Amino acid sequence: MASAATPTYLAPAEYLAWERKANTKHEYRSGHIVAMAGASFAHNIITTNTTTALNNQLVGSGCIVVASDMRVRTNPAASYFYPDVLVVCDEPRFEDNAFDTLLNPIILVEVLSPSTEAYDRGEKFAHAKQLASLQAYILVSQERVHVEHYLRHGTQWVLTELRSLEDVLTLTSIDCELPLRDIYTHVAFSENILRGN
């Protein structure tokens, strides 16, 4: 079935009304609409592994893990994006009664793809920092064992990098630990990558 052409610029309210009718997902970046591409096999495995590991630890905690299809809005400069994995605690807050745009995630996880890595590191992170609720922003490479954990300390974001399957990602804000071995289960890397070469 043919779909309408993607507009190049919309106001935030126009984007949201248009996106809710779209057949595919689009992010909203400073007024511009960007179609989201499909993800690789490794990207999907990492997303599933991360979601499963967090969900198993958070049962009964009051926190909820959501993968891929939950839209997030930032303020004051409205942008809308779809994190690969997010965690929300306490009462989820939504933009309106459609309950499809979350306002208060505590953790965002992005699995890096060649086409989105620069955006995930730059503009998306800059927008995510506007979320008062956000405590951690995590970037996971799908091409090598490498996790970057940005933890909020007041107005500063402190980076910790993990590069070994023996490392453990500690998420103090939700009292969880994620061994990198669990994040990367079933992801095929060459021997050189595993040795760090």
N, C-alpha and C. Protein backbone atom coordinates (compact mmCIF):
# COMPACT_ATOMS: atom_id res chain seq x y z
N MET A 1 0.84 -1.17 0.00
CA MET A 1 0.00 0.00 0.00
C MET A 1 0.89 1.25 0.00
N ALA A 2 0.61 2.19 -0.83
CA ALA A 2 1.38 3.43 -0.90
C ALA A 2 1.06 4.30 0.31
N SER A 3 2.04 5.03 0.76
CA SER A 3 1.82 5.93 1.88
C SER A 3 2.13 7.35 1.44
N ALA A 4 1.61 8.33 2.20
CA ALA A 4 1.85 9.73 1.86
C ALA A 4 3.33 10.06 2.01
N ALA A 5 3.79 11.00 1.22
CA ALA A 5 5.19 11.42 1.30
C ALA A 5 5.48 12.00 2.68
N THR A 6 6.70 11.76 3.14
CA THR A 6 7.11 12.28 4.44
C THR A 6 7.30 13.80 4.35
N PRO A 7 6.62 14.55 5.22
CA PRO A 7 6.84 16.00 5.20
C PRO A 7 8.25 16.32 5.68
N THR A 8 8.78 17.46 5.26
CA THR A 8 10.14 17.81 5.66
C THR A 8 10.17 18.65 6.94
N TYR A 9 9.09 19.38 7.23
CA TYR A 9 9.06 20.18 8.45
C TYR A 9 7.63 20.26 8.96
N LEU A 10 7.47 20.09 10.28
CA LEU A 10 6.17 20.22 10.93
C LEU A 10 6.37 20.83 12.31
N ALA A 11 5.36 21.51 12.81
CA ALA A 11 5.36 21.94 14.20
C ALA A 11 5.16 20.70 15.07
N PRO A 12 5.54 20.72 16.36
CA PRO A 12 5.43 19.53 17.20
C PRO A 12 4.04 18.88 17.21
N ALA A 13 2.99 19.67 17.36
CA ALA A 13 1.64 19.10 17.38
C ALA A 13 1.27 18.48 16.04
N GLU A 14 1.72 19.10 14.94
CA GLU A 14 1.45 18.55 13.61
C GLU A 14 2.19 17.23 13.42
N TYR A 15 3.45 17.19 13.88
CA TYR A 15 4.21 15.93 13.80
C TYR A 15 3.48 14.82 14.52
N LEU A 16 3.07 15.07 15.74
CA LEU A 16 2.45 14.02 16.55
C LEU A 16 1.18 13.49 15.89
N ALA A 17 0.34 14.38 15.37
CA ALA A 17 -0.89 13.96 14.69
C ALA A 17 -0.55 13.15 13.44
N TRP A 18 0.47 13.60 12.68
CA TRP A 18 0.87 12.90 11.47
C TRP A 18 1.49 11.54 11.80
N GLU A 19 2.37 11.49 12.81
CA GLU A 19 3.07 10.26 13.17
C GLU A 19 2.11 9.18 13.63
N ARG A 20 1.06 9.58 14.32
CA ARG A 20 0.09 8.59 14.82
C ARG A 20 -0.68 7.91 13.69
N LYS A 21 -0.65 8.49 12.51
CA LYS A 21 -1.33 7.89 11.36
C LYS A 21 -0.35 7.19 10.41
N ALA A 22 0.94 7.37 10.62
CA ALA A 22 1.96 6.85 9.71
C ALA A 22 2.09 5.33 9.83
N ASN A 23 2.49 4.70 8.73
CA ASN A 23 2.71 3.25 8.71
C ASN A 23 4.08 2.86 9.24
N THR A 24 5.00 3.81 9.27
CA THR A 24 6.35 3.56 9.77
C THR A 24 6.70 4.63 10.80
N LYS A 25 7.77 4.38 11.58
CA LYS A 25 8.17 5.31 12.63
C LYS A 25 9.07 6.41 12.09
N HIS A 26 8.90 7.60 12.66
CA HIS A 26 9.71 8.76 12.30
C HIS A 26 10.07 9.51 13.56
N GLU A 27 11.30 9.99 13.63
CA GLU A 27 11.69 10.84 14.75
C GLU A 27 11.52 12.29 14.35
N TYR A 28 11.43 13.15 15.36
CA TYR A 28 11.21 14.58 15.14
C TYR A 28 12.42 15.31 15.71
N ARG A 29 13.20 15.91 14.82
CA ARG A 29 14.45 16.55 15.21
C ARG A 29 14.42 18.01 14.82
N SER A 30 14.24 18.87 15.79
CA SER A 30 14.24 20.32 15.56
C SER A 30 13.30 20.71 14.43
N GLY A 31 12.13 20.12 14.42
CA GLY A 31 11.12 20.44 13.43
C GLY A 31 11.18 19.59 12.18
N HIS A 32 12.24 18.83 11.99
CA HIS A 32 12.41 18.01 10.80
C HIS A 32 12.03 16.56 11.09
N ILE A 33 11.44 15.91 10.11
CA ILE A 33 10.97 14.55 10.23
C ILE A 33 12.01 13.62 9.61
N VAL A 34 12.41 12.59 10.37
CA VAL A 34 13.42 11.65 9.88
C VAL A 34 12.87 10.24 10.01
N ALA A 35 12.75 9.53 8.87
CA ALA A 35 12.26 8.15 8.88
C ALA A 35 13.28 7.25 9.56
N MET A 36 12.80 6.27 10.29
CA MET A 36 13.68 5.32 10.97
C MET A 36 13.87 4.08 10.10
N ALA A 37 15.11 3.69 9.93
CA ALA A 37 15.44 2.51 9.13
C ALA A 37 15.32 1.25 9.97
N GLY A 38 15.23 0.11 9.31
CA GLY A 38 15.22 -1.16 10.01
C GLY A 38 16.57 -1.42 10.66
N ALA A 39 16.58 -2.32 11.63
CA ALA A 39 17.80 -2.61 12.40
C ALA A 39 18.41 -3.94 11.98
N SER A 40 19.72 -4.08 12.19
CA SER A 40 20.44 -5.31 11.86
C SER A 40 20.09 -6.43 12.84
N PHE A 41 20.50 -7.63 12.51
CA PHE A 41 20.29 -8.78 13.38
C PHE A 41 20.97 -8.56 14.73
N ALA A 42 22.24 -8.12 14.71
CA ALA A 42 22.97 -7.88 15.96
C ALA A 42 22.29 -6.80 16.79
N HIS A 43 21.82 -5.75 16.15
CA HIS A 43 21.12 -4.66 16.84
C HIS A 43 19.89 -5.21 17.58
N ASN A 44 19.12 -6.02 16.90
CA ASN A 44 17.92 -6.60 17.50
C ASN A 44 18.25 -7.55 18.64
N ILE A 45 19.31 -8.35 18.49
CA ILE A 45 19.71 -9.27 19.57
C ILE A 45 20.11 -8.48 20.81
N ILE A 46 20.92 -7.43 20.63
CA ILE A 46 21.37 -6.63 21.77
C ILE A 46 20.19 -5.97 22.46
N THR A 47 19.26 -5.43 21.68
CA THR A 47 18.07 -4.80 22.24
C THR A 47 17.26 -5.81 23.05
N THR A 48 17.06 -6.99 22.50
CA THR A 48 16.29 -8.04 23.19
C THR A 48 17.02 -8.50 24.45
N ASN A 49 18.33 -8.74 24.35
CA ASN A 49 19.10 -9.18 25.51
C ASN A 49 19.04 -8.15 26.64
N THR A 50 19.19 -6.88 26.30
CA THR A 50 19.19 -5.82 27.31
C THR A 50 17.81 -5.70 27.96
N THR A 51 16.78 -5.72 27.14
CA THR A 51 15.41 -5.65 27.65
C THR A 51 15.11 -6.81 28.58
N THR A 52 15.47 -8.01 28.16
CA THR A 52 15.20 -9.21 28.96
C THR A 52 15.95 -9.18 30.29
N ALA A 53 17.24 -8.84 30.24
CA ALA A 53 18.04 -8.81 31.47
C ALA A 53 17.51 -7.78 32.46
N LEU A 54 17.15 -6.60 31.96
CA LEU A 54 16.60 -5.58 32.85
C LEU A 54 15.24 -5.99 33.39
N ASN A 55 14.39 -6.49 32.52
CA ASN A 55 13.06 -6.89 32.95
C ASN A 55 13.11 -7.96 34.03
N ASN A 56 14.00 -8.93 33.87
CA ASN A 56 14.13 -10.00 34.88
C ASN A 56 14.50 -9.45 36.24
N GLN A 57 15.33 -8.41 36.26
CA GLN A 57 15.77 -7.84 37.54
C GLN A 57 14.76 -6.85 38.13
N LEU A 58 13.90 -6.29 37.30
CA LEU A 58 13.01 -5.22 37.77
C LEU A 58 11.60 -5.69 38.12
N VAL A 59 11.33 -6.98 37.97
CA VAL A 59 10.00 -7.49 38.33
C VAL A 59 9.70 -7.14 39.78
N GLY A 60 8.56 -6.50 40.01
CA GLY A 60 8.13 -6.13 41.36
C GLY A 60 8.80 -4.90 41.92
N SER A 61 9.61 -4.19 41.11
CA SER A 61 10.37 -3.05 41.62
C SER A 61 9.64 -1.71 41.48
N GLY A 62 8.59 -1.68 40.68
CA GLY A 62 7.95 -0.41 40.37
C GLY A 62 8.50 0.24 39.12
N CYS A 63 9.49 -0.40 38.50
CA CYS A 63 10.07 0.11 37.25
C CYS A 63 9.64 -0.79 36.10
N ILE A 64 9.52 -0.20 34.91
CA ILE A 64 9.07 -0.92 33.73
C ILE A 64 10.09 -0.72 32.62
N VAL A 65 10.39 -1.80 31.89
CA VAL A 65 11.30 -1.76 30.74
C VAL A 65 10.46 -1.80 29.47
N VAL A 66 10.80 -0.93 28.51
CA VAL A 66 10.10 -0.88 27.24
C VAL A 66 11.13 -0.85 26.12
N ALA A 67 10.87 -1.59 25.04
CA ALA A 67 11.82 -1.64 23.93
C ALA A 67 11.23 -1.08 22.65
N SER A 68 11.98 -0.24 21.99
CA SER A 68 11.86 0.18 20.59
C SER A 68 10.67 1.03 20.17
N ASP A 69 9.46 0.70 20.59
CA ASP A 69 8.30 1.37 20.02
C ASP A 69 7.69 2.46 20.89
N MET A 70 8.30 2.79 22.02
CA MET A 70 7.77 3.85 22.88
C MET A 70 8.42 5.18 22.51
N ARG A 71 7.61 6.10 22.07
CA ARG A 71 8.09 7.43 21.71
C ARG A 71 8.34 8.24 22.99
N VAL A 72 9.40 9.05 23.00
CA VAL A 72 9.75 9.91 24.12
C VAL A 72 9.78 11.35 23.63
N ARG A 73 9.26 12.27 24.44
CA ARG A 73 9.32 13.69 24.11
C ARG A 73 10.19 14.42 25.12
N THR A 74 10.99 15.36 24.63
CA THR A 74 11.81 16.18 25.51
C THR A 74 11.26 17.60 25.53
N ASN A 75 11.66 18.33 26.53
CA ASN A 75 11.33 19.75 26.68
C ASN A 75 12.60 20.46 27.11
N PRO A 76 12.72 21.77 26.98
CA PRO A 76 11.73 22.70 26.44
C PRO A 76 11.71 22.73 24.91
N ALA A 77 12.82 22.37 24.26
CA ALA A 77 12.81 22.30 22.79
C ALA A 77 12.29 20.93 22.41
N ALA A 78 11.04 20.88 22.02
CA ALA A 78 10.39 19.60 21.78
C ALA A 78 11.09 18.80 20.69
N SER A 79 11.45 17.59 21.03
CA SER A 79 11.89 16.61 20.05
C SER A 79 11.24 15.29 20.44
N TYR A 80 11.08 14.43 19.48
CA TYR A 80 10.45 13.13 19.71
C TYR A 80 11.38 12.07 19.14
N PHE A 81 11.64 11.03 19.92
CA PHE A 81 12.48 9.95 19.42
C PHE A 81 12.07 8.63 20.04
N TYR A 82 12.56 7.55 19.44
CA TYR A 82 12.26 6.18 19.86
C TYR A 82 13.54 5.52 20.35
N PRO A 83 13.78 5.49 21.66
CA PRO A 83 14.98 4.80 22.16
C PRO A 83 14.88 3.30 21.89
N ASP A 84 16.03 2.64 21.82
CA ASP A 84 16.01 1.19 21.64
C ASP A 84 15.47 0.49 22.89
N VAL A 85 15.87 0.98 24.06
CA VAL A 85 15.37 0.45 25.33
C VAL A 85 15.22 1.64 26.28
N LEU A 86 14.17 1.62 27.09
CA LEU A 86 14.05 2.64 28.13
C LEU A 86 13.51 2.00 29.39
N VAL A 87 13.78 2.67 30.51
CA VAL A 87 13.22 2.26 31.80
C VAL A 87 12.50 3.46 32.38
N VAL A 88 11.30 3.24 32.87
CA VAL A 88 10.54 4.27 33.56
C VAL A 88 10.16 3.71 34.93
N CYS A 89 10.27 4.55 35.96
CA CYS A 89 9.97 4.12 37.33
C CYS A 89 8.83 4.97 37.89
N ASP A 90 8.23 4.44 38.95
CA ASP A 90 7.08 5.11 39.57
C ASP A 90 5.95 5.21 38.54
N GLU A 91 5.30 6.35 38.48
CA GLU A 91 4.15 6.51 37.59
C GLU A 91 4.60 7.06 36.24
N PRO A 92 4.40 6.31 35.15
CA PRO A 92 4.75 6.85 33.83
C PRO A 92 3.88 8.08 33.54
N ARG A 93 4.51 9.11 32.99
CA ARG A 93 3.78 10.32 32.58
C ARG A 93 3.79 10.39 31.06
N PHE A 94 2.62 10.71 30.50
CA PHE A 94 2.47 10.75 29.05
C PHE A 94 2.06 12.13 28.58
N GLU A 95 2.32 12.41 27.31
CA GLU A 95 1.99 13.72 26.75
C GLU A 95 0.48 13.97 26.75
N ASP A 96 -0.29 12.91 26.46
CA ASP A 96 -1.75 13.06 26.42
C ASP A 96 -2.39 11.70 26.65
N ASN A 97 -3.69 11.63 26.46
CA ASN A 97 -4.39 10.38 26.77
C ASN A 97 -4.30 9.33 25.67
N ALA A 98 -3.44 9.54 24.68
CA ALA A 98 -3.13 8.47 23.72
C ALA A 98 -2.13 7.48 24.32
N PHE A 99 -1.42 7.89 25.40
CA PHE A 99 -0.48 7.04 26.13
C PHE A 99 0.59 6.42 25.23
N ASP A 100 1.04 7.18 24.23
CA ASP A 100 2.06 6.65 23.32
C ASP A 100 3.31 7.52 23.27
N THR A 101 3.36 8.55 24.12
CA THR A 101 4.53 9.44 24.16
C THR A 101 4.91 9.68 25.61
N LEU A 102 6.01 9.06 26.02
CA LEU A 102 6.45 9.09 27.42
C LEU A 102 7.27 10.35 27.70
N LEU A 103 7.11 10.89 28.90
CA LEU A 103 7.80 12.12 29.29
C LEU A 103 8.88 11.92 30.35
N ASN A 104 8.88 10.77 31.07
CA ASN A 104 9.76 10.66 32.23
C ASN A 104 10.57 9.36 32.32
N PRO A 105 11.29 8.98 31.26
CA PRO A 105 12.17 7.81 31.41
C PRO A 105 13.32 8.12 32.37
N ILE A 106 13.80 7.09 33.06
CA ILE A 106 14.94 7.26 33.97
C ILE A 106 16.23 6.79 33.30
N ILE A 107 16.11 5.82 32.37
CA ILE A 107 17.27 5.30 31.64
C ILE A 107 16.91 5.17 30.17
N LEU A 108 17.83 5.57 29.29
CA LEU A 108 17.70 5.37 27.86
C LEU A 108 18.90 4.58 27.37
N VAL A 109 18.64 3.59 26.50
CA VAL A 109 19.70 2.79 25.90
C VAL A 109 19.58 2.89 24.39
N GLU A 110 20.69 3.20 23.74
CA GLU A 110 20.74 3.24 22.28
C GLU A 110 21.79 2.25 21.80
N VAL A 111 21.39 1.37 20.88
CA VAL A 111 22.33 0.46 20.22
C VAL A 111 22.82 1.18 18.97
N LEU A 112 24.12 1.39 18.90
CA LEU A 112 24.68 2.21 17.82
C LEU A 112 24.66 1.49 16.48
N SER A 113 24.21 2.22 15.45
CA SER A 113 24.24 1.76 14.07
C SER A 113 25.08 2.73 13.27
N PRO A 114 25.73 2.28 12.20
CA PRO A 114 26.55 3.20 11.41
C PRO A 114 25.79 4.44 10.95
N SER A 115 24.52 4.28 10.61
CA SER A 115 23.75 5.41 10.08
C SER A 115 23.26 6.37 11.17
N THR A 116 23.24 5.94 12.43
CA THR A 116 22.68 6.80 13.49
C THR A 116 23.67 7.12 14.61
N GLU A 117 24.88 6.57 14.56
CA GLU A 117 25.82 6.72 15.67
C GLU A 117 26.12 8.19 15.98
N ALA A 118 26.39 8.98 14.96
CA ALA A 118 26.71 10.40 15.21
C ALA A 118 25.53 11.11 15.86
N TYR A 119 24.33 10.84 15.40
CA TYR A 119 23.12 11.45 15.98
C TYR A 119 22.91 10.99 17.42
N ASP A 120 23.06 9.67 17.67
CA ASP A 120 22.86 9.14 19.02
C ASP A 120 23.85 9.75 20.01
N ARG A 121 25.08 9.98 19.57
CA ARG A 121 26.11 10.56 20.44
C ARG A 121 25.92 12.07 20.63
N GLY A 122 25.42 12.72 19.60
CA GLY A 122 25.36 14.17 19.60
C GLY A 122 23.99 14.74 19.90
N GLU A 123 23.23 14.98 18.83
CA GLU A 123 21.95 15.69 18.97
C GLU A 123 20.96 14.94 19.86
N LYS A 124 20.84 13.62 19.68
CA LYS A 124 19.87 12.87 20.50
C LYS A 124 20.25 12.94 21.98
N PHE A 125 21.53 12.80 22.30
CA PHE A 125 21.97 12.89 23.68
C PHE A 125 21.71 14.30 24.23
N ALA A 126 21.96 15.31 23.42
CA ALA A 126 21.69 16.69 23.85
C ALA A 126 20.22 16.89 24.19
N HIS A 127 19.34 16.32 23.37
CA HIS A 127 17.91 16.42 23.66
C HIS A 127 17.54 15.58 24.89
N ALA A 128 18.12 14.40 25.01
CA ALA A 128 17.81 13.52 26.15
C ALA A 128 18.19 14.18 27.47
N LYS A 129 19.27 14.94 27.47
CA LYS A 129 19.70 15.62 28.69
C LYS A 129 18.66 16.59 29.22
N GLN A 130 17.73 17.02 28.37
CA GLN A 130 16.67 17.94 28.79
C GLN A 130 15.63 17.25 29.67
N LEU A 131 15.62 15.94 29.68
CA LEU A 131 14.66 15.20 30.49
C LEU A 131 15.10 15.23 31.95
N ALA A 132 14.34 15.92 32.80
CA ALA A 132 14.71 16.04 34.21
C ALA A 132 14.75 14.68 34.90
N SER A 133 13.97 13.73 34.41
CA SER A 133 13.90 12.39 35.02
C SER A 133 15.11 11.52 34.69
N LEU A 134 15.82 11.83 33.60
CA LEU A 134 16.85 10.93 33.08
C LEU A 134 18.06 10.88 34.00
N GLN A 135 18.47 9.65 34.37
CA GLN A 135 19.63 9.43 35.22
C GLN A 135 20.80 8.78 34.48
N ALA A 136 20.50 8.05 33.40
CA ALA A 136 21.58 7.37 32.66
C ALA A 136 21.24 7.29 31.18
N TYR A 137 22.28 7.50 30.36
CA TYR A 137 22.19 7.39 28.91
C TYR A 137 23.28 6.41 28.51
N ILE A 138 22.88 5.33 27.83
CA ILE A 138 23.80 4.23 27.56
C ILE A 138 23.89 3.97 26.06
N LEU A 139 25.11 3.92 25.55
CA LEU A 139 25.36 3.62 24.15
C LEU A 139 26.04 2.26 24.06
N VAL A 140 25.50 1.38 23.23
CA VAL A 140 26.02 0.02 23.08
C VAL A 140 26.44 -0.19 21.64
N SER A 141 27.70 -0.52 21.43
CA SER A 141 28.18 -0.82 20.08
C SER A 141 27.68 -2.20 19.66
N GLN A 142 27.33 -2.32 18.39
CA GLN A 142 26.97 -3.64 17.87
C GLN A 142 28.11 -4.26 17.07
N GLU A 143 29.20 -3.50 16.88
CA GLU A 143 30.30 -3.97 16.06
C GLU A 143 31.47 -4.49 16.88
N ARG A 144 31.52 -4.14 18.17
CA ARG A 144 32.57 -4.62 19.05
C ARG A 144 32.03 -4.54 20.48
N VAL A 145 32.72 -5.16 21.40
CA VAL A 145 32.32 -5.09 22.81
C VAL A 145 32.70 -3.72 23.34
N HIS A 146 31.70 -2.86 23.50
CA HIS A 146 31.95 -1.51 23.96
C HIS A 146 30.63 -0.88 24.40
N VAL A 147 30.55 -0.54 25.68
CA VAL A 147 29.38 0.12 26.24
C VAL A 147 29.83 1.41 26.90
N GLU A 148 29.14 2.50 26.57
CA GLU A 148 29.41 3.81 27.17
C GLU A 148 28.24 4.17 28.07
N HIS A 149 28.54 4.40 29.34
CA HIS A 149 27.51 4.69 30.34
C HIS A 149 27.69 6.12 30.83
N TYR A 150 26.74 6.99 30.48
CA TYR A 150 26.74 8.38 30.94
C TYR A 150 25.79 8.46 32.12
N LEU A 151 26.32 8.83 33.28
CA LEU A 151 25.55 8.91 34.52
C LEU A 151 25.45 10.36 34.96
N ARG A 152 24.22 10.79 35.25
CA ARG A 152 24.00 12.17 35.68
C ARG A 152 24.46 12.36 37.12
N HIS A 153 25.29 13.39 37.33
CA HIS A 153 25.68 13.85 38.67
C HIS A 153 25.39 15.34 38.71
N GLY A 154 24.21 15.71 39.21
CA GLY A 154 23.81 17.11 39.19
C GLY A 154 23.65 17.59 37.77
N THR A 155 24.45 18.57 37.36
CA THR A 155 24.38 19.08 35.99
C THR A 155 25.43 18.45 35.08
N GLN A 156 26.25 17.56 35.64
CA GLN A 156 27.32 16.92 34.88
C GLN A 156 26.93 15.50 34.48
N TRP A 157 27.50 15.03 33.39
CA TRP A 157 27.32 13.65 32.95
C TRP A 157 28.69 12.97 32.97
N VAL A 158 28.82 11.93 33.79
CA VAL A 158 30.09 11.23 33.97
C VAL A 158 30.10 9.96 33.13
N LEU A 159 31.14 9.82 32.31
CA LEU A 159 31.25 8.69 31.39
C LEU A 159 32.08 7.56 31.98
N THR A 160 31.55 6.35 31.89
CA THR A 160 32.29 5.13 32.18
C THR A 160 32.22 4.25 30.94
N GLU A 161 33.37 3.73 30.49
CA GLU A 161 33.40 2.87 29.32
C GLU A 161 33.75 1.45 29.73
N LEU A 162 33.05 0.50 29.14
CA LEU A 162 33.26 -0.92 29.41
C LEU A 162 33.60 -1.61 28.09
N ARG A 163 34.67 -2.43 28.09
CA ARG A 163 35.17 -2.98 26.82
C ARG A 163 35.44 -4.48 26.86
N SER A 164 35.04 -5.14 27.92
CA SER A 164 35.31 -6.57 28.04
C SER A 164 34.02 -7.32 28.37
N LEU A 165 33.90 -8.53 27.85
CA LEU A 165 32.74 -9.35 28.18
C LEU A 165 32.69 -9.68 29.67
N GLU A 166 33.81 -9.51 30.37
CA GLU A 166 33.83 -9.76 31.82
C GLU A 166 33.35 -8.55 32.62
N ASP A 167 33.22 -7.38 31.97
CA ASP A 167 32.76 -6.17 32.67
C ASP A 167 31.28 -6.25 33.00
N VAL A 168 30.88 -5.48 33.99
CA VAL A 168 29.48 -5.43 34.43
C VAL A 168 29.04 -3.97 34.46
N LEU A 169 27.95 -3.67 33.78
CA LEU A 169 27.36 -2.34 33.78
C LEU A 169 26.47 -2.21 35.01
N THR A 170 26.82 -1.28 35.91
CA THR A 170 26.06 -1.07 37.14
C THR A 170 25.15 0.13 36.97
N LEU A 171 23.86 -0.10 37.18
CA LEU A 171 22.86 0.96 37.07
C LEU A 171 22.29 1.23 38.45
N THR A 172 22.93 2.16 39.16
CA THR A 172 22.58 2.40 40.55
C THR A 172 21.17 2.97 40.71
N SER A 173 20.70 3.75 39.74
CA SER A 173 19.38 4.38 39.88
C SER A 173 18.24 3.38 39.88
N ILE A 174 18.47 2.17 39.35
CA ILE A 174 17.43 1.14 39.37
C ILE A 174 17.93 -0.14 40.05
N ASP A 175 19.09 -0.06 40.68
CA ASP A 175 19.65 -1.18 41.42
C ASP A 175 19.77 -2.45 40.57
N CYS A 176 20.36 -2.30 39.38
CA CYS A 176 20.55 -3.43 38.46
C CYS A 176 22.00 -3.53 38.03
N GLU A 177 22.40 -4.74 37.68
CA GLU A 177 23.71 -4.99 37.10
C GLU A 177 23.52 -5.78 35.81
N LEU A 178 24.20 -5.32 34.75
CA LEU A 178 24.12 -5.99 33.46
C LEU A 178 25.51 -6.44 33.03
N PRO A 179 25.82 -7.72 33.17
CA PRO A 179 27.10 -8.21 32.62
C PRO A 179 27.11 -8.02 31.11
N LEU A 180 28.23 -7.54 30.59
CA LEU A 180 28.31 -7.37 29.14
C LEU A 180 28.15 -8.70 28.42
N ARG A 181 28.55 -9.78 29.08
CA ARG A 181 28.35 -11.10 28.48
C ARG A 181 26.88 -11.36 28.19
N ASP A 182 25.99 -10.86 29.07
CA ASP A 182 24.54 -11.02 28.84
C ASP A 182 24.05 -10.11 27.73
N ILE A 183 24.55 -8.88 27.69
CA ILE A 183 24.14 -7.94 26.65
C ILE A 183 24.50 -8.48 25.27
N TYR A 184 25.69 -9.10 25.17
CA TYR A 184 26.20 -9.55 23.87
C TYR A 184 25.99 -11.05 23.60
N THR A 185 25.16 -11.72 24.38
CA THR A 185 24.87 -13.13 24.12
C THR A 185 24.33 -13.31 22.70
N HIS A 186 24.88 -14.26 21.96
CA HIS A 186 24.48 -14.61 20.59
C HIS A 186 24.93 -13.59 19.54
N VAL A 187 25.71 -12.59 19.93
CA VAL A 187 26.24 -11.64 18.94
C VAL A 187 27.61 -12.16 18.50
N ALA A 188 27.77 -12.35 17.21
CA ALA A 188 29.02 -12.92 16.68
C ALA A 188 30.04 -11.82 16.43
N PHE A 189 31.21 -11.96 17.06
CA PHE A 189 32.34 -11.07 16.84
C PHE A 189 33.52 -11.90 16.37
N SER A 190 34.43 -11.26 15.61
CA SER A 190 35.65 -11.97 15.24
C SER A 190 36.55 -12.11 16.47
N GLU A 191 37.49 -13.03 16.42
CA GLU A 191 38.41 -13.25 17.53
C GLU A 191 39.22 -11.97 17.83
N ASN A 192 39.61 -11.23 16.77
CA ASN A 192 40.37 -10.00 16.98
C ASN A 192 39.58 -8.98 17.79
N ILE A 193 38.27 -8.86 17.52
CA ILE A 193 37.44 -7.94 18.25
C ILE A 193 37.33 -8.37 19.71
N LEU A 194 37.17 -9.65 19.96
CA LEU A 194 37.05 -10.14 21.33
C LEU A 194 38.33 -9.93 22.11
N ARG A 195 39.47 -9.97 21.44
CA ARG A 195 40.75 -9.73 22.13
C ARG A 195 41.05 -8.24 22.26
N GLY A 196 40.21 -7.40 21.62
CA GLY A 196 40.42 -5.95 21.70
C GLY A 196 41.39 -5.42 20.65
N ASN A 197 41.67 -6.20 19.62
CA ASN A 197 42.60 -5.76 18.57
C ASN A 197 41.88 -4.94 17.52
